């Protein structure tokens, strides 16, 4: 990872996420990207599964019709449009990889 660090701020009240003061996303998709970035920073992990996201109570997915794939697709598009240094790529059925190309500083606001 090279380049200046990206500052990622998370607001727990509505799970909104900002990157360098620019709004990225909120709600469940915001909680997802925050979880992925935290896990990546704490453990270096990059590979994730849809199943583990569904089982994580902190994400507060609805019990029925959670639309996880649609939320991940929206998150993928938002990252592509607003932050090319972080992206999500599908690696298989129910599997994806978080790619972080610059250092990230996480701030829980």
PDB file of N, CA and C in Angstrom:
ATOM      1  N   UNK A   1       0.841  -1.182   0.000  1.00  0.00           N
ATOM      2  CA  UNK A   1       0.000   0.000   0.000  1.00  0.00           C
ATOM      3  C   UNK A   1       0.885   1.244   0.000  1.00  0.00           C
ATOM      4  N   UNK A   2       0.598   2.109  -0.915  1.00  0.00           N
ATOM      5  CA  UNK A   2       1.361   3.351  -0.990  1.00  0.00           C
ATOM      6  C   UNK A   2       0.406   4.520  -1.124  1.00  0.00           C
ATOM      7  N   UNK A   3       0.917   5.708  -0.894  1.00  0.00           N
ATOM      8  CA  UNK A   3       0.101   6.911  -0.999  1.00  0.00           C
ATOM      9  C   UNK A   3      -0.331   7.395   0.362  1.00  0.00           C
ATOM     10  N   UNK A   4      -0.991   8.528   0.362  1.00  0.00           N
ATOM     11  CA  UNK A   4      -1.456   9.091   1.629  1.00  0.00           C
ATOM     12  C   UNK A   4      -2.621   8.272   2.175  1.00  0.00           C
ATOM     13  N   UNK A   5      -2.741   8.280   3.483  1.00  0.00           N
ATOM     14  CA  UNK A   5      -3.765   7.486   4.155  1.00  0.00           C
ATOM     15  C   UNK A   5      -5.160   8.044   3.888  1.00  0.00           C
ATOM     16  N   UNK A   6      -6.112   7.133   3.764  1.00  0.00           N
ATOM     17  CA  UNK A   6      -7.516   7.506   3.647  1.00  0.00           C
ATOM     18  C   UNK A   6      -8.108   7.545   5.051  1.00  0.00           C
ATOM     19  N   UNK A   7      -8.781   8.628   5.380  1.00  0.00           N
ATOM     20  CA  UNK A   7      -9.444   8.719   6.680  1.00  0.00           C
ATOM     21  C   UNK A   7     -10.878   8.249   6.507  1.00  0.00           C
ATOM     22  N   UNK A   8     -11.232   7.193   7.203  1.00  0.00           N
ATOM     23  CA  UNK A   8     -12.582   6.631   7.122  1.00  0.00           C
ATOM     24  C   UNK A   8     -13.246   6.836   8.473  1.00  0.00           C
ATOM     25  N   UNK A   9     -14.347   7.605   8.456  1.00  0.00           N
ATOM     26  CA  UNK A   9     -15.090   7.881   9.691  1.00  0.00           C
ATOM     27  C   UNK A   9     -16.417   7.161   9.662  1.00  0.00           C
ATOM     28  N   UNK A  10     -16.786   6.585  10.799  1.00  0.00           N
ATOM     29  CA  UNK A  10     -18.041   5.849  10.944  1.00  0.00           C
ATOM     30  C   UNK A  10     -18.865   6.489  12.046  1.00  0.00           C
ATOM     31  N   UNK A  11     -20.137   6.749  11.753  1.00  0.00           N
ATOM     32  CA  UNK A  11     -21.069   7.298  12.732  1.00  0.00           C
ATOM     33  C   UNK A  11     -22.056   6.199  13.090  1.00  0.00           C
ATOM     34  N   UNK A  12     -21.952   5.701  14.319  1.00  0.00           N
ATOM     35  CA  UNK A  12     -22.743   4.545  14.748  1.00  0.00           C
ATOM     36  C   UNK A  12     -24.245   4.801  14.755  1.00  0.00           C
ATOM     37  N   UNK A  13     -24.672   6.033  14.956  1.00  0.00           N
ATOM     38  CA  UNK A  13     -26.104   6.333  15.055  1.00  0.00           C
ATOM     39  C   UNK A  13     -26.885   5.843  13.844  1.00  0.00           C
ATOM     40  N   UNK A  14     -26.320   6.020  12.644  1.00  0.00           N
ATOM     41  CA  UNK A  14     -27.015   5.558  11.431  1.00  0.00           C
ATOM     42  C   UNK A  14     -26.090   4.762  10.503  1.00  0.00           C
ATOM     43  N   UNK A  15     -24.941   4.358  11.042  1.00  0.00           N
ATOM     44  CA  UNK A  15     -23.939   3.596  10.285  1.00  0.00           C
ATOM     45  C   UNK A  15     -23.506   4.308   9.005  1.00  0.00           C
ATOM     46  N   UNK A  16     -23.430   5.644   9.057  1.00  0.00           N
ATOM     47  CA  UNK A  16     -22.935   6.367   7.889  1.00  0.00           C
ATOM     48  C   UNK A  16     -21.407   6.339   7.893  1.00  0.00           C
ATOM     49  N   UNK A  17     -20.851   6.299   6.687  1.00  0.00           N
ATOM     50  CA  UNK A  17     -19.400   6.219   6.518  1.00  0.00           C
ATOM     51  C   UNK A  17     -18.958   7.333   5.580  1.00  0.00           C
ATOM     52  N   UNK A  18     -17.905   8.028   5.993  1.00  0.00           N
ATOM     53  CA  UNK A  18     -17.308   9.100   5.201  1.00  0.00           C
ATOM     54  C   UNK A  18     -15.856   8.743   4.931  1.00  0.00           C
ATOM     55  N   UNK A  19     -15.385   9.033   3.735  1.00  0.00           N
ATOM     56  CA  UNK A  19     -13.985   8.839   3.394  1.00  0.00           C
ATOM     57  C   UNK A  19     -13.403  10.202   3.055  1.00  0.00           C
ATOM     58  N   UNK A  20     -12.423  10.627   3.866  1.00  0.00           N
ATOM     59  CA  UNK A  20     -11.819  11.959   3.701  1.00  0.00           C
ATOM     60  C   UNK A  20     -12.883  13.051   3.627  1.00  0.00           C
ATOM     61  N   UNK A  21     -13.816  13.033   4.531  1.00  0.00           N
ATOM     62  CA  UNK A  21     -14.894  14.023   4.647  1.00  0.00           C
ATOM     63  C   UNK A  21     -15.958  13.946   3.556  1.00  0.00           C
ATOM     64  N   UNK A  22     -15.865  12.981   2.648  1.00  0.00           N
ATOM     65  CA  UNK A  22     -16.885  12.796   1.613  1.00  0.00           C
ATOM     66  C   UNK A  22     -17.775  11.619   1.989  1.00  0.00           C
ATOM     67  N   UNK A  23     -19.075  11.860   1.930  1.00  0.00           N
ATOM     68  CA  UNK A  23     -20.039  10.811   2.263  1.00  0.00           C
ATOM     69  C   UNK A  23     -19.899   9.637   1.304  1.00  0.00           C
ATOM     70  N   UNK A  24     -19.920   8.419   1.861  1.00  0.00           N
ATOM     71  CA  UNK A  24     -19.870   7.216   1.041  1.00  0.00           C
ATOM     72  C   UNK A  24     -21.202   6.484   1.064  1.00  0.00           C
ATOM     73  N   UNK A  25     -21.667   6.088   2.251  1.00  0.00           N
ATOM     74  CA  UNK A  25     -22.861   5.247   2.335  1.00  0.00           C
ATOM     75  C   UNK A  25     -23.328   5.194   3.784  1.00  0.00           C
ATOM     76  N   UNK A  26     -24.559   4.760   4.012  1.00  0.00           N
ATOM     77  CA  UNK A  26     -25.053   4.616   5.384  1.00  0.00           C
ATOM     78  C   UNK A  26     -25.919   3.372   5.487  1.00  0.00           C
ATOM     79  N   UNK A  27     -26.429   3.129   6.683  1.00  0.00           N
ATOM     80  CA  UNK A  27     -27.303   1.987   6.905  1.00  0.00           C
ATOM     81  C   UNK A  27     -26.529   0.677   6.958  1.00  0.00           C
ATOM     82  N   UNK A  28     -27.192  -0.394   6.559  1.00  0.00           N
ATOM     83  CA  UNK A  28     -26.577  -1.721   6.624  1.00  0.00           C
ATOM     84  C   UNK A  28     -25.310  -1.783   5.777  1.00  0.00           C
ATOM     85  N   UNK A  29     -25.330  -1.182   4.585  1.00  0.00           N
ATOM     86  CA  UNK A  29     -24.145  -1.190   3.729  1.00  0.00           C
ATOM     87  C   UNK A  29     -22.986  -0.448   4.404  1.00  0.00           C
ATOM     88  N   UNK A  30     -23.289   0.608   5.132  1.00  0.00           N
ATOM     89  CA  UNK A  30     -22.265   1.320   5.885  1.00  0.00           C
ATOM     90  C   UNK A  30     -21.691   0.456   6.999  1.00  0.00           C
ATOM     91  N   UNK A  31     -22.564  -0.278   7.691  1.00  0.00           N
ATOM     92  CA  UNK A  31     -22.105  -1.191   8.740  1.00  0.00           C
ATOM     93  C   UNK A  31     -21.228  -2.290   8.150  1.00  0.00           C
ATOM     94  N   UNK A  32     -21.564  -2.742   6.950  1.00  0.00           N
ATOM     95  CA  UNK A  32     -20.774  -3.791   6.297  1.00  0.00           C
ATOM     96  C   UNK A  32     -19.373  -3.290   5.970  1.00  0.00           C
ATOM     97  N   UNK A  33     -19.281  -2.140   5.305  1.00  0.00           N
ATOM     98  CA  UNK A  33     -17.950  -1.651   4.928  1.00  0.00           C
ATOM     99  C   UNK A  33     -17.114  -1.345   6.171  1.00  0.00           C
ATOM    100  N   UNK A  34     -17.744  -0.857   7.235  1.00  0.00           N
ATOM    101  CA  UNK A  34     -17.023  -0.585   8.467  1.00  0.00           C
ATOM    102  C   UNK A  34     -16.481  -1.882   9.064  1.00  0.00           C
ATOM    103  N   UNK A  35     -17.295  -2.930   9.077  1.00  0.00           N
ATOM    104  CA  UNK A  35     -16.855  -4.231   9.593  1.00  0.00           C
ATOM    105  C   UNK A  35     -15.685  -4.771   8.770  1.00  0.00           C
ATOM    106  N   UNK A  36     -15.800  -4.697   7.447  1.00  0.00           N
ATOM    107  CA  UNK A  36     -14.745  -5.213   6.579  1.00  0.00           C
ATOM    108  C   UNK A  36     -13.428  -4.474   6.813  1.00  0.00           C
ATOM    109  N   UNK A  37     -13.509  -3.145   6.878  1.00  0.00           N
ATOM    110  CA  UNK A  37     -12.288  -2.355   7.076  1.00  0.00           C
ATOM    111  C   UNK A  37     -11.683  -2.577   8.458  1.00  0.00           C
ATOM    112  N   UNK A  38     -12.518  -2.718   9.474  1.00  0.00           N
ATOM    113  CA  UNK A  38     -12.013  -3.002  10.827  1.00  0.00           C
ATOM    114  C   UNK A  38     -11.322  -4.357  10.873  1.00  0.00           C
ATOM    115  N   UNK A  39     -11.979  -5.373  10.316  1.00  0.00           N
ATOM    116  CA  UNK A  39     -11.371  -6.705  10.290  1.00  0.00           C
ATOM    117  C   UNK A  39     -10.054  -6.685   9.527  1.00  0.00           C
ATOM    118  N   UNK A  40     -10.036  -5.972   8.415  1.00  0.00           N
ATOM    119  CA  UNK A  40      -8.819  -5.871   7.614  1.00  0.00           C
ATOM    120  C   UNK A  40      -7.702  -5.201   8.411  1.00  0.00           C
ATOM    121  N   UNK A  41      -8.028  -4.125   9.098  1.00  0.00           N
ATOM    122  CA  UNK A  41      -7.009  -3.399   9.848  1.00  0.00           C
ATOM    123  C   UNK A  41      -6.513  -4.211  11.048  1.00  0.00           C
ATOM    124  N   UNK A  42      -7.414  -4.896  11.731  1.00  0.00           N
ATOM    125  CA  UNK A  42      -7.034  -5.627  12.941  1.00  0.00           C
ATOM    126  C   UNK A  42      -6.291  -6.922  12.649  1.00  0.00           C
ATOM    127  N   UNK A  43      -6.666  -7.610  11.560  1.00  0.00           N
ATOM    128  CA  UNK A  43      -6.103  -8.940  11.316  1.00  0.00           C
ATOM    129  C   UNK A  43      -5.422  -9.087   9.956  1.00  0.00           C
ATOM    130  N   UNK A  44      -5.572  -8.092   9.085  1.00  0.00           N
ATOM    131  CA  UNK A  44      -5.014  -8.198   7.747  1.00  0.00           C
ATOM    132  C   UNK A  44      -5.864  -9.025   6.800  1.00  0.00           C
ATOM    133  N   UNK A  45      -7.006  -9.383   7.248  1.00  0.00           N
ATOM    134  CA  UNK A  45      -7.910 -10.239   6.486  1.00  0.00           C
ATOM    135  C   UNK A  45      -8.456  -9.523   5.260  1.00  0.00           C
ATOM    136  N   UNK A  46      -8.604 -10.247   4.134  1.00  0.00           N
ATOM    137  CA  UNK A  46      -9.150  -9.659   2.919  1.00  0.00           C
ATOM    138  C   UNK A  46     -10.288 -10.486   2.325  1.00  0.00           C
ATOM    139  N   UNK A  47     -10.374 -11.764   2.659  1.00  0.00           N
ATOM    140  CA  UNK A  47     -11.411 -12.630   2.091  1.00  0.00           C
ATOM    141  C   UNK A  47     -12.552 -12.817   3.081  1.00  0.00           C
ATOM    142  N   UNK A  48     -13.786 -12.668   2.565  1.00  0.00           N
ATOM    143  CA  UNK A  48     -14.980 -12.732   3.393  1.00  0.00           C
ATOM    144  C   UNK A  48     -16.045 -13.554   2.677  1.00  0.00           C
ATOM    145  N   UNK A  49     -17.078 -13.941   3.439  1.00  0.00           N
ATOM    146  CA  UNK A  49     -18.195 -14.677   2.839  1.00  0.00           C
ATOM    147  C   UNK A  49     -19.509 -13.986   3.186  1.00  0.00           C
ATOM    148  N   UNK A  50     -20.481 -14.175   2.322  1.00  0.00           N
ATOM    149  CA  UNK A  50     -21.817 -13.639   2.589  1.00  0.00           C
ATOM    150  C   UNK A  50     -22.385 -14.271   3.856  1.00  0.00           C
ATOM    151  N   UNK A  51     -22.113 -15.553   4.047  1.00  0.00           N
ATOM    152  CA  UNK A  51     -22.662 -16.276   5.199  1.00  0.00           C
ATOM    153  C   UNK A  51     -22.217 -15.634   6.514  1.00  0.00           C
ATOM    154  N   UNK A  52     -20.932 -15.313   6.629  1.00  0.00           N
ATOM    155  CA  UNK A  52     -20.467 -14.712   7.877  1.00  0.00           C
ATOM    156  C   UNK A  52     -21.110 -13.343   8.123  1.00  0.00           C
ATOM    157  N   UNK A  53     -21.365 -12.591   7.048  1.00  0.00           N
ATOM    158  CA  UNK A  53     -22.052 -11.308   7.221  1.00  0.00           C
ATOM    159  C   UNK A  53     -23.477 -11.529   7.711  1.00  0.00           C
ATOM    160  N   UNK A  54     -24.144 -12.532   7.146  1.00  0.00           N
ATOM    161  CA  UNK A  54     -25.519 -12.826   7.574  1.00  0.00           C
ATOM    162  C   UNK A  54     -25.591 -13.222   9.046  1.00  0.00           C
ATOM    163  N   UNK A  55     -24.555 -13.874   9.534  1.00  0.00           N
ATOM    164  CA  UNK A  55     -24.546 -14.353  10.915  1.00  0.00           C
ATOM    165  C   UNK A  55     -24.052 -13.327  11.923  1.00  0.00           C
ATOM    166  N   UNK A  56     -23.557 -12.194  11.461  1.00  0.00           N
ATOM    167  CA  UNK A  56     -23.023 -11.165  12.359  1.00  0.00           C
ATOM    168  C   UNK A  56     -24.159 -10.287  12.890  1.00  0.00           C
ATOM    169  N   UNK A  57     -24.497 -10.413  14.179  1.00  0.00           N
ATOM    170  CA  UNK A  57     -25.619  -9.635  14.730  1.00  0.00           C
ATOM    171  C   UNK A  57     -25.365  -8.133  14.745  1.00  0.00           C
ATOM    172  N   UNK A  58     -24.106  -7.714  14.732  1.00  0.00           N
ATOM    173  CA  UNK A  58     -23.786  -6.277  14.767  1.00  0.00           C
ATOM    174  C   UNK A  58     -24.257  -5.559  13.500  1.00  0.00           C
ATOM    175  N   UNK A  59     -24.442  -6.291  12.403  1.00  0.00           N
ATOM    176  CA  UNK A  59     -24.876  -5.665  11.151  1.00  0.00           C
ATOM    177  C   UNK A  59     -26.380  -5.402  11.121  1.00  0.00           C
ATOM    178  N   UNK A  60     -27.105  -6.034  12.003  1.00  0.00           N
ATOM    179  CA  UNK A  60     -28.560  -5.840  12.133  1.00  0.00           C
ATOM    180  C   UNK A  60     -29.300  -6.073  10.810  1.00  0.00           C
ATOM    181  N   UNK A  61     -28.946  -7.159  10.121  1.00  0.00           N
ATOM    182  CA  UNK A  61     -29.690  -7.536   8.912  1.00  0.00           C
ATOM    183  C   UNK A  61     -31.055  -8.051   9.313  1.00  0.00           C
ATOM    184  N   UNK A  62     -32.098  -7.779   8.524  1.00  0.00           N
ATOM    185  CA  UNK A  62     -33.416  -8.322   8.849  1.00  0.00           C
ATOM    186  C   UNK A  62     -33.396  -9.853   8.759  1.00  0.00           C
ATOM    187  N   UNK A  63     -34.243 -10.507   9.554  1.00  0.00           N
ATOM    188  CA  UNK A  63     -34.296 -11.968   9.557  1.00  0.00           C
ATOM    189  C   UNK A  63     -34.765 -12.532   8.222  1.00  0.00           C
ATOM    190  N   UNK A  64     -35.709 -11.847   7.596  1.00  0.00           N
ATOM    191  CA  UNK A  64     -36.273 -12.325   6.338  1.00  0.00           C
ATOM    192  C   UNK A  64     -35.921 -11.329   5.235  1.00  0.00           C
ATOM    193  N   UNK A  65     -35.559 -11.831   4.080  1.00  0.00           N
ATOM    194  CA  UNK A  65     -35.269 -10.988   2.908  1.00  0.00           C
ATOM    195  C   UNK A  65     -34.251  -9.898   3.244  1.00  0.00           C
ATOM    196  N   UNK A  66     -33.038 -10.317   3.581  1.00  0.00           N
ATOM    197  CA  UNK A  66     -32.026  -9.352   4.001  1.00  0.00           C
ATOM    198  C   UNK A  66     -31.402  -8.571   2.845  1.00  0.00           C
ATOM    199  N   UNK A  67     -31.614  -9.023   1.593  1.00  0.00           N
ATOM    200  CA  UNK A  67     -31.079  -8.326   0.414  1.00  0.00           C
ATOM    201  C   UNK A  67     -29.580  -8.074   0.502  1.00  0.00           C
ATOM    202  N   UNK A  68     -28.860  -9.007   1.110  1.00  0.00           N
ATOM    203  CA  UNK A  68     -27.428  -8.818   1.305  1.00  0.00           C
ATOM    204  C   UNK A  68     -26.694  -8.615  -0.014  1.00  0.00           C
ATOM    205  N   UNK A  69     -27.009  -9.411  -1.019  1.00  0.00           N
ATOM    206  CA  UNK A  69     -26.319  -9.274  -2.305  1.00  0.00           C
ATOM    207  C   UNK A  69     -26.551  -7.901  -2.919  1.00  0.00           C
ATOM    208  N   UNK A  70     -27.776  -7.400  -2.811  1.00  0.00           N
ATOM    209  CA  UNK A  70     -28.072  -6.061  -3.338  1.00  0.00           C
ATOM    210  C   UNK A  70     -27.306  -4.994  -2.560  1.00  0.00           C
ATOM    211  N   UNK A  71     -27.192  -5.153  -1.265  1.00  0.00           N
ATOM    212  CA  UNK A  71     -26.450  -4.190  -0.447  1.00  0.00           C
ATOM    213  C   UNK A  71     -24.959  -4.206  -0.791  1.00  0.00           C
ATOM    214  N   UNK A  72     -24.425  -5.405  -1.013  1.00  0.00           N
ATOM    215  CA  UNK A  72     -23.014  -5.513  -1.401  1.00  0.00           C
ATOM    216  C   UNK A  72     -22.766  -4.902  -2.776  1.00  0.00           C
ATOM    217  N   UNK A  73     -23.703  -5.104  -3.689  1.00  0.00           N
ATOM    218  CA  UNK A  73     -23.577  -4.529  -5.026  1.00  0.00           C
ATOM    219  C   UNK A  73     -23.610  -3.001  -4.959  1.00  0.00           C
ATOM    220  N   UNK A  74     -24.520  -2.451  -4.161  1.00  0.00           N
ATOM    221  CA  UNK A  74     -24.584  -1.000  -3.967  1.00  0.00           C
ATOM    222  C   UNK A  74     -23.275  -0.487  -3.370  1.00  0.00           C
ATOM    223  N   UNK A  75     -22.771  -1.182  -2.367  1.00  0.00           N
ATOM    224  CA  UNK A  75     -21.514  -0.785  -1.742  1.00  0.00           C
ATOM    225  C   UNK A  75     -20.376  -0.839  -2.757  1.00  0.00           C
ATOM    226  N   UNK A  76     -20.349  -1.876  -3.550  1.00  0.00           N
ATOM    227  CA  UNK A  76     -19.314  -2.022  -4.581  1.00  0.00           C
ATOM    228  C   UNK A  76     -19.344  -0.845  -5.560  1.00  0.00           C
ATOM    229  N   UNK A  77     -20.542  -0.458  -5.984  1.00  0.00           N
ATOM    230  CA  UNK A  77     -20.687   0.681  -6.912  1.00  0.00           C
ATOM    231  C   UNK A  77     -20.261   1.989  -6.269  1.00  0.00           C
ATOM    232  N   UNK A  78     -20.687   2.208  -5.017  1.00  0.00           N
ATOM    233  CA  UNK A  78     -20.332   3.459  -4.328  1.00  0.00           C
ATOM    234  C   UNK A  78     -18.826   3.587  -4.159  1.00  0.00           C
ATOM    235  N   UNK A  79     -18.187   2.480  -3.805  1.00  0.00           N
ATOM    236  CA  UNK A  79     -16.731   2.513  -3.676  1.00  0.00           C
ATOM    237  C   UNK A  79     -16.076   2.811  -5.020  1.00  0.00           C
ATOM    238  N   UNK A  80     -16.582   2.192  -6.061  1.00  0.00           N
ATOM    239  CA  UNK A  80     -16.036   2.404  -7.403  1.00  0.00           C
ATOM    240  C   UNK A  80     -16.158   3.875  -7.817  1.00  0.00           C
ATOM    241  N   UNK A  81     -17.301   4.485  -7.516  1.00  0.00           N
ATOM    242  CA  UNK A  81     -17.550   5.876  -7.896  1.00  0.00           C
ATOM    243  C   UNK A  81     -16.786   6.873  -7.028  1.00  0.00           C
ATOM    244  N   UNK A  82     -16.685   6.589  -5.716  1.00  0.00           N
ATOM    245  CA  UNK A  82     -16.189   7.586  -4.771  1.00  0.00           C
ATOM    246  C   UNK A  82     -14.834   7.302  -4.150  1.00  0.00           C
ATOM    247  N   UNK A  83     -14.360   6.079  -4.254  1.00  0.00           N
ATOM    248  CA  UNK A  83     -13.092   5.745  -3.604  1.00  0.00           C
ATOM    249  C   UNK A  83     -12.407   4.600  -4.349  1.00  0.00           C
ATOM    250  N   UNK A  84     -11.695   4.918  -5.412  1.00  0.00           N
ATOM    251  CA  UNK A  84     -11.065   3.868  -6.218  1.00  0.00           C
ATOM    252  C   UNK A  84      -9.951   3.115  -5.492  1.00  0.00           C
ATOM    253  N   UNK A  85      -9.555   3.596  -4.319  1.00  0.00           N
ATOM    254  CA  UNK A  85      -8.473   2.949  -3.578  1.00  0.00           C
ATOM    255  C   UNK A  85      -8.971   1.813  -2.693  1.00  0.00           C
ATOM    256  N   UNK A  86     -10.281   1.673  -2.585  1.00  0.00           N
ATOM    257  CA  UNK A  86     -10.888   0.555  -1.853  1.00  0.00           C
ATOM    258  C   UNK A  86     -11.929  -0.037  -2.779  1.00  0.00           C
ATOM    259  N   UNK A  87     -11.891  -1.341  -2.981  1.00  0.00           N
ATOM    260  CA  UNK A  87     -12.942  -1.963  -3.775  1.00  0.00           C
ATOM    261  C   UNK A  87     -13.192  -3.396  -3.327  1.00  0.00           C
ATOM    262  N   UNK A  88     -14.333  -3.890  -3.762  1.00  0.00           N
ATOM    263  CA  UNK A  88     -14.765  -5.248  -3.439  1.00  0.00           C
ATOM    264  C   UNK A  88     -14.866  -6.012  -4.740  1.00  0.00           C
ATOM    265  N   UNK A  89     -14.286  -7.189  -4.765  1.00  0.00           N
ATOM    266  CA  UNK A  89     -14.389  -8.021  -5.970  1.00  0.00           C
ATOM    267  C   UNK A  89     -14.899  -9.405  -5.582  1.00  0.00           C
ATOM    268  N   UNK A  90     -15.783  -9.900  -6.397  1.00  0.00           N
ATOM    269  CA  UNK A  90     -16.357 -11.217  -6.167  1.00  0.00           C
ATOM    270  C   UNK A  90     -15.296 -12.268  -6.501  1.00  0.00           C
ATOM    271  N   UNK A  91     -15.153 -13.273  -5.629  1.00  0.00           N
ATOM    272  CA  UNK A  91     -14.142 -14.314  -5.843  1.00  0.00           C
ATOM    273  C   UNK A  91     -14.760 -15.692  -6.019  1.00  0.00           C
ATOM    274  N   UNK A  92     -16.065 -15.781  -5.888  1.00  0.00           N
ATOM    275  CA  UNK A  92     -16.756 -17.059  -6.018  1.00  0.00           C
ATOM    276  C   UNK A  92     -18.159 -16.918  -5.484  1.00  0.00           C
ATOM    277  N   UNK A  93     -18.889 -17.998  -5.537  1.00  0.00           N
ATOM    278  CA  UNK A  93     -20.269 -17.951  -5.050  1.00  0.00           C
ATOM    279  C   UNK A  93     -20.283 -17.697  -3.541  1.00  0.00           C
ATOM    280  N   UNK A  94     -20.872 -16.562  -3.169  1.00  0.00           N
ATOM    281  CA  UNK A  94     -20.960 -16.208  -1.756  1.00  0.00           C
ATOM    282  C   UNK A  94     -19.638 -15.767  -1.148  1.00  0.00           C
ATOM    283  N   UNK A  95     -18.651 -15.459  -1.980  1.00  0.00           N
ATOM    284  CA  UNK A  95     -17.337 -15.052  -1.489  1.00  0.00           C
ATOM    285  C   UNK A  95     -16.891 -13.771  -2.189  1.00  0.00           C
ATOM    286  N   UNK A  96     -16.159 -12.939  -1.447  1.00  0.00           N
ATOM    287  CA  UNK A  96     -15.636 -11.715  -2.036  1.00  0.00           C
ATOM    288  C   UNK A  96     -14.373 -11.295  -1.325  1.00  0.00           C
ATOM    289  N   UNK A  97     -13.643 -10.397  -1.956  1.00  0.00           N
ATOM    290  CA  UNK A  97     -12.367  -9.914  -1.424  1.00  0.00           C
ATOM    291  C   UNK A  97     -12.417  -8.395  -1.293  1.00  0.00           C
ATOM    292  N   UNK A  98     -11.910  -7.910  -0.180  1.00  0.00           N
ATOM    293  CA  UNK A  98     -11.743  -6.477   0.046  1.00  0.00           C
ATOM    294  C   UNK A  98     -10.337  -6.108  -0.399  1.00  0.00           C
ATOM    295  N   UNK A  99     -10.227  -5.179  -1.339  1.00  0.00           N
ATOM    296  CA  UNK A  99      -8.932  -4.725  -1.837  1.00  0.00           C
ATOM    297  C   UNK A  99      -8.710  -3.297  -1.359  1.00  0.00           C
ATOM    298  N   UNK A 100      -7.685  -3.105  -0.576  1.00  0.00           N
ATOM    299  CA  UNK A 100      -7.352  -1.793  -0.029  1.00  0.00           C
ATOM    300  C   UNK A 100      -5.980  -1.409  -0.581  1.00  0.00           C
ATOM    301  N   UNK A 101      -5.952  -0.364  -1.406  1.00  0.00           N
ATOM    302  CA  UNK A 101      -4.735   0.001  -2.121  1.00  0.00           C
ATOM    303  C   UNK A 101      -3.927   1.116  -1.461  1.00  0.00           C
ATOM    304  N   UNK A 102      -4.511   1.752  -0.433  1.00  0.00           N
ATOM    305  CA  UNK A 102      -3.811   2.796   0.315  1.00  0.00           C
ATOM    306  C   UNK A 102      -4.002   2.548   1.795  1.00  0.00           C
ATOM    307  N   UNK A 103      -3.121   3.077   2.622  1.00  0.00           N
ATOM    308  CA  UNK A 103      -3.320   2.941   4.067  1.00  0.00           C
ATOM    309  C   UNK A 103      -4.647   3.590   4.478  1.00  0.00           C
ATOM    310  N   UNK A 104      -5.253   3.036   5.511  1.00  0.00           N
ATOM    311  CA  UNK A 104      -6.545   3.522   5.989  1.00  0.00           C
ATOM    312  C   UNK A 104      -6.451   3.835   7.468  1.00  0.00           C
ATOM    313  N   UNK A 105      -6.998   4.981   7.855  1.00  0.00           N
ATOM    314  CA  UNK A 105      -7.099   5.364   9.265  1.00  0.00           C
ATOM    315  C   UNK A 105      -8.578   5.343   9.608  1.00  0.00           C
ATOM    316  N   UNK A 106      -8.962   4.488  10.558  1.00  0.00           N
ATOM    317  CA  UNK A 106     -10.364   4.364  10.939  1.00  0.00           C
ATOM    318  C   UNK A 106     -10.660   5.226  12.160  1.00  0.00           C
ATOM    319  N   UNK A 107     -11.785   5.950  12.084  1.00  0.00           N
ATOM    320  CA  UNK A 107     -12.213   6.792  13.212  1.00  0.00           C
ATOM    321  C   UNK A 107     -13.680   6.517  13.498  1.00  0.00           C
ATOM    322  N   UNK A 108     -13.953   6.089  14.723  1.00  0.00           N
ATOM    323  CA  UNK A 108     -15.340   5.894  15.137  1.00  0.00           C
ATOM    324  C   UNK A 108     -15.820   7.207  15.723  1.00  0.00           C
ATOM    325  N   UNK A 109     -16.726   7.878  15.040  1.00  0.00           N
ATOM    326  CA  UNK A 109     -17.175   9.212  15.465  1.00  0.00           C
ATOM    327  C   UNK A 109     -18.345   9.121  16.425  1.00  0.00           C
TER     328      UNK A 109
END
